């Protein structure tokens, strides 16, 4: 299995003959609006896509969307919708998101209604895990989405957490299933009020301590409401003694994982 960090939450997972694009945000730098109303109203994304992106996108066979409604352009923006629609790439999504994506003209392949149970997927299985994209008032305004747990013959098990804070549901899932590779959001995203809406440094460290496998941290240094930096997370990981299992890829970096 190979995972290439593209930008923000956008990655490409290579499993056998398949190249799975996850949560694509394809806009040029500064093409999207700010995510805060007060203070420095920086437009998004704050960095360009890696130069290698057009070439690697040509090999994409499928797409996975964790959430996309209520204005979550950092997981599926207008440029990505056009790209997927023009190529009619199969888009796997939750039953909740299926009607919304169908209206965009995408080639959707929604998971069955019993999506919390394992379902057949590209010769293996896939299931969803509930995300909690913030609590309290801000949580009521958010689109919470799902994460995905993928198991394929001869490959490490893979957990794509989606946009979430660390919850009892996720703790229980990780302790029980012990995914060999997990990709988690680590940017500590915040709006003008309320607590973090995705994991930050402390929760990434706690998540990594729950499991024996490798943790890949992304969703950093690409959108303006994520204050956590790669160096800060790396320093915390080293102090916590988990740096050997915590990967913090640069945009464009390819990581390879085996049993």
Protein backbone atom coordinates (compact mmCIF):
# COMPACT_ATOMS: atom_id res chain seq x y z
CA UNK A 1 0.00 0.00 0.00
CA UNK A 2 1.15 3.52 -0.82
CA UNK A 3 -0.34 6.78 0.38
CA UNK A 4 0.52 10.08 -1.25
CA UNK A 5 -0.21 13.26 0.64
CA UNK A 6 -1.54 15.81 -1.83
CA UNK A 7 -2.74 18.79 0.25
CA UNK A 8 -4.87 19.27 3.36
CA UNK A 9 -7.10 16.16 3.68
CA UNK A 10 -6.58 15.17 0.04
CA UNK A 11 -4.59 11.97 -0.42
CA UNK A 12 -4.27 9.17 -2.97
CA UNK A 13 -4.27 5.62 -1.65
CA UNK A 14 -2.66 3.02 -3.92
CA UNK A 15 -3.87 -0.52 -3.27
CA UNK A 16 -3.01 -3.09 -5.93
CA UNK A 17 -4.40 -1.90 -9.26
CA UNK A 18 -6.52 0.83 -7.65
CA UNK A 19 -5.74 4.48 -6.98
CA UNK A 20 -8.28 5.98 -4.58
CA UNK A 21 -8.55 9.75 -4.34
CA UNK A 22 -9.82 10.90 -0.93
CA UNK A 23 -11.57 14.23 -0.23
CA UNK A 24 -10.26 16.21 -3.19
CA UNK A 25 -9.72 19.96 -2.92
CA UNK A 26 -8.25 21.02 -6.26
CA UNK A 27 -8.62 24.82 -6.27
CA UNK A 28 -5.69 27.11 -6.93
CA UNK A 29 -4.19 29.01 -4.01
CA UNK A 30 -6.47 31.84 -2.76
CA UNK A 31 -9.37 30.76 -5.01
CA UNK A 32 -11.72 29.94 -2.10
CA UNK A 33 -13.14 32.19 0.63
CA UNK A 34 -11.82 32.68 4.18
CA UNK A 35 -13.04 30.37 6.92
CA UNK A 36 -13.13 33.04 9.62
CA UNK A 37 -15.14 36.24 9.83
CA UNK A 38 -12.82 38.18 12.15
CA UNK A 39 -9.10 38.81 12.42
CA UNK A 40 -6.90 37.93 9.46
CA UNK A 41 -9.39 36.83 6.79
CA UNK A 42 -7.00 34.77 4.69
CA UNK A 43 -8.34 33.17 1.53
CA UNK A 44 -7.98 29.45 0.88
CA UNK A 45 -6.20 27.24 0.17
CA UNK A 46 -3.09 28.95 1.47
CA UNK A 47 -0.71 26.82 -0.64
CA UNK A 48 -0.78 25.51 -4.20
CA UNK A 49 -1.11 21.84 -5.12
CA UNK A 50 2.22 20.02 -5.52
CA UNK A 51 3.66 20.20 -9.04
CA UNK A 52 3.28 16.40 -9.38
CA UNK A 53 -0.51 16.48 -8.88
CA UNK A 54 -1.71 16.51 -12.52
CA UNK A 55 0.37 13.44 -13.35
CA UNK A 56 -0.73 11.40 -10.31
CA UNK A 57 -4.38 12.30 -10.83
CA UNK A 58 -4.27 10.63 -14.25
CA UNK A 59 -3.97 7.25 -12.52
CA UNK A 60 -6.97 7.70 -10.18
CA UNK A 61 -9.59 4.94 -10.47
CA UNK A 62 -11.98 5.75 -7.59
CA UNK A 63 -12.82 8.52 -5.14
CA UNK A 64 -13.89 8.43 -1.49
CA UNK A 65 -15.77 11.32 0.12
CA UNK A 66 -15.99 11.55 3.92
CA UNK A 67 -18.29 14.61 3.98
CA UNK A 68 -19.18 17.38 1.58
CA UNK A 69 -22.30 19.31 2.61
CA UNK A 70 -22.75 22.60 4.50
CA UNK A 71 -19.93 24.31 2.63
CA UNK A 72 -17.08 21.89 3.32
CA UNK A 73 -15.12 22.91 0.23
CA UNK A 74 -11.86 21.76 1.81
CA UNK A 75 -13.00 18.16 1.19
CA UNK A 76 -14.80 18.58 -2.14
CA UNK A 77 -14.58 21.89 -3.97
CA UNK A 78 -15.96 23.09 -7.28
CA UNK A 79 -12.77 22.26 -9.19
CA UNK A 80 -12.80 18.70 -7.83
CA UNK A 81 -16.47 18.22 -8.69
CA UNK A 82 -15.79 19.24 -12.30
CA UNK A 83 -12.78 16.95 -12.49
CA UNK A 84 -14.73 13.97 -11.15
CA UNK A 85 -17.77 14.73 -13.30
CA UNK A 86 -15.79 15.14 -16.52
CA UNK A 87 -14.04 11.79 -16.00
CA UNK A 88 -17.02 10.02 -14.39
CA UNK A 89 -14.75 8.61 -11.70
CA UNK A 90 -16.73 6.26 -9.40
CA UNK A 91 -17.37 8.15 -6.15
CA UNK A 92 -17.95 6.08 -3.02
CA UNK A 93 -19.89 7.89 -0.32
CA UNK A 94 -22.26 7.47 2.59
CA UNK A 95 -26.02 7.07 1.98
CA UNK A 96 -26.46 10.49 3.57
CA UNK A 97 -24.27 12.24 0.99
CA UNK A 98 -25.48 10.24 -2.03
CA UNK A 99 -28.46 12.46 -3.04
CA UNK A 100 -26.38 15.63 -2.70
CA UNK A 101 -23.55 14.24 -4.85
CA UNK A 102 -25.96 12.83 -7.43
CA UNK A 103 -27.32 16.35 -7.96
CA UNK A 104 -23.78 17.42 -8.85
CA UNK A 105 -23.75 14.93 -11.74
CA UNK A 106 -21.15 12.68 -10.13
CA UNK A 107 -20.89 8.95 -10.76
CA UNK A 108 -21.84 7.94 -7.24
CA UNK A 109 -21.58 4.45 -5.78
CA UNK A 110 -23.16 4.91 -2.34
CA UNK A 111 -22.61 2.35 0.36
CA UNK A 112 -25.68 0.36 1.46
CA UNK A 113 -27.88 1.64 4.27
CA UNK A 114 -26.27 -0.81 6.69
CA UNK A 115 -23.01 1.00 6.05
CA UNK A 116 -21.65 0.44 9.57
CA UNK A 117 -21.24 -3.23 8.68
CA UNK A 118 -18.45 -4.42 6.34
CA UNK A 119 -19.37 -4.16 2.67
CA UNK A 120 -17.55 -5.52 -0.37
CA UNK A 121 -15.08 -3.03 -1.84
CA UNK A 122 -12.51 -3.59 -4.61
CA UNK A 123 -11.88 -7.19 -3.56
CA UNK A 124 -11.86 -6.39 0.16
CA UNK A 125 -14.24 -4.73 2.60
CA UNK A 126 -15.10 -1.23 3.72
CA UNK A 127 -17.12 0.10 6.63
CA UNK A 128 -17.81 3.55 8.07
CA UNK A 129 -17.10 5.03 11.48
CA UNK A 130 -19.04 8.04 12.74
CA UNK A 131 -17.22 11.37 12.84
CA UNK A 132 -17.86 14.15 15.36
CA UNK A 133 -16.82 17.37 13.66
CA UNK A 134 -16.99 19.56 16.77
CA UNK A 135 -19.16 19.76 19.88
CA UNK A 136 -21.62 22.20 21.41
CA UNK A 137 -23.09 24.99 19.32
CA UNK A 138 -20.41 24.75 16.65
CA UNK A 139 -21.07 21.01 16.41
CA UNK A 140 -24.73 21.67 15.66
CA UNK A 141 -23.69 23.79 12.68
CA UNK A 142 -21.24 21.25 11.22
CA UNK A 143 -21.59 18.37 8.78
CA UNK A 144 -20.23 15.40 10.71
CA UNK A 145 -19.60 12.81 8.00
CA UNK A 146 -17.90 9.44 8.31
CA UNK A 147 -14.50 7.83 8.37
CA UNK A 148 -13.69 4.62 6.47
CA UNK A 149 -12.04 1.36 7.54
CA UNK A 150 -10.68 -0.60 4.58
CA UNK A 151 -9.39 -4.17 4.72
CA UNK A 152 -7.86 -5.71 1.59
CA UNK A 153 -6.18 -9.11 1.18
CA UNK A 154 -2.40 -8.86 1.48
CA UNK A 155 -2.48 -5.18 2.51
CA UNK A 156 -2.32 -3.37 5.87
CA UNK A 157 -5.72 -2.43 7.27
CA UNK A 158 -6.41 1.28 6.73
CA UNK A 159 -8.50 3.71 8.78
CA UNK A 160 -9.29 7.08 7.17
CA UNK A 161 -10.62 9.05 10.11
CA UNK A 162 -12.29 11.92 8.25
CA UNK A 163 -12.84 15.26 9.98
CA UNK A 164 -13.37 14.44 13.63
CA UNK A 165 -12.27 15.08 17.16
CA UNK A 166 -11.24 12.10 19.27
CA UNK A 167 -14.43 10.58 20.68
CA UNK A 168 -15.31 7.47 22.74
CA UNK A 169 -16.66 5.92 19.52
CA UNK A 170 -13.29 6.33 17.80
CA UNK A 171 -11.32 5.22 20.86
CA UNK A 172 -13.39 2.03 21.09
CA UNK A 173 -13.05 1.37 17.37
CA UNK A 174 -9.27 1.79 17.39
CA UNK A 175 -8.77 -0.31 20.51
CA UNK A 176 -10.92 -3.12 19.09
CA UNK A 177 -9.74 -3.15 15.45
CA UNK A 178 -6.17 -1.85 15.80
CA UNK A 179 -5.85 -0.55 12.20
CA UNK A 180 -2.32 -0.97 10.96
CA UNK A 181 -2.34 2.43 9.24
CA UNK A 182 -4.52 5.39 10.22
CA UNK A 183 -4.81 8.78 8.54
CA UNK A 184 -6.07 11.44 10.95
CA UNK A 185 -6.75 15.19 10.74
CA UNK A 186 -4.25 17.05 12.91
CA UNK A 187 -4.66 20.76 12.18
CA UNK A 188 -6.70 21.69 15.26
CA UNK A 189 -9.12 23.65 13.06
CA UNK A 190 -11.10 26.40 14.79
CA UNK A 191 -13.62 29.03 13.79
CA UNK A 192 -14.12 32.39 15.46
CA UNK A 193 -15.82 30.75 18.44
CA UNK A 194 -16.01 27.30 19.96
CA UNK A 195 -13.48 24.52 20.48
CA UNK A 196 -11.45 22.57 17.93
CA UNK A 197 -13.49 20.85 15.24
CA UNK A 198 -10.80 18.30 14.34
CA UNK A 199 -7.96 16.70 16.26
CA UNK A 200 -5.08 18.88 17.31
CA UNK A 201 -1.71 18.02 18.82
CA UNK A 202 -2.93 16.54 22.12
CA UNK A 203 -5.58 14.34 20.51
CA UNK A 204 -3.24 13.08 17.80
CA UNK A 205 -0.76 12.06 20.50
CA UNK A 206 -3.53 10.33 22.46
CA UNK A 207 -4.83 8.61 19.32
CA UNK A 208 -1.35 7.31 18.48
CA UNK A 209 -0.93 5.90 21.98
CA UNK A 210 -4.15 3.88 21.57
CA UNK A 211 -2.76 1.72 18.80
CA UNK A 212 0.24 -0.29 17.73
CA UNK A 213 0.22 0.73 14.07
CA UNK A 214 1.34 3.80 12.14
CA UNK A 215 -0.48 7.12 12.25
CA UNK A 216 -0.33 9.54 9.31
CA UNK A 217 -1.21 13.12 10.29
CA UNK A 218 -2.49 15.58 7.69
CA UNK A 219 -4.97 18.47 7.31
CA UNK A 220 -2.21 20.97 8.21
CA UNK A 221 -0.71 24.10 6.66
CA UNK A 222 -3.24 24.28 3.81
CA UNK A 223 -6.40 26.02 5.07
CA UNK A 224 -6.47 29.17 7.13
CA UNK A 225 -8.37 27.96 10.20
CA UNK A 226 -5.85 25.18 11.06
CA UNK A 227 -3.18 26.58 13.43
CA UNK A 228 -1.19 23.36 14.04
CA UNK A 229 2.07 23.16 12.08
CA UNK A 230 4.08 20.13 11.07
CA UNK A 231 7.13 21.13 13.16
CA UNK A 232 4.96 21.65 16.27
CA UNK A 233 3.33 18.23 15.90
CA UNK A 234 6.69 16.56 15.22
CA UNK A 235 8.14 18.10 18.38
CA UNK A 236 5.19 16.92 20.45
CA UNK A 237 5.43 13.43 18.97
CA UNK A 238 9.10 13.19 19.88
CA UNK A 239 8.49 14.40 23.44
CA UNK A 240 5.69 11.80 23.78
CA UNK A 241 7.94 9.02 22.50
CA UNK A 242 5.66 8.18 19.58
CA UNK A 243 7.71 9.70 16.77
CA UNK A 244 8.64 6.29 15.31
CA UNK A 245 4.95 5.58 14.61
CA UNK A 246 3.79 9.09 13.71
CA UNK A 247 4.27 10.13 10.08
CA UNK A 248 3.82 13.79 9.12
CA UNK A 249 4.15 13.92 5.32
CA UNK A 250 4.94 16.97 3.26
CA UNK A 251 2.61 17.81 0.39
CA UNK A 252 3.47 15.52 -2.51
CA UNK A 253 5.25 12.96 -0.31
CA UNK A 254 4.65 9.24 -0.98
CA UNK A 255 4.67 6.75 1.91
CA UNK A 256 4.78 2.97 1.51
CA UNK A 257 3.34 0.53 4.04
CA UNK A 258 3.66 -3.25 4.26
CA UNK A 259 2.81 -5.86 6.88
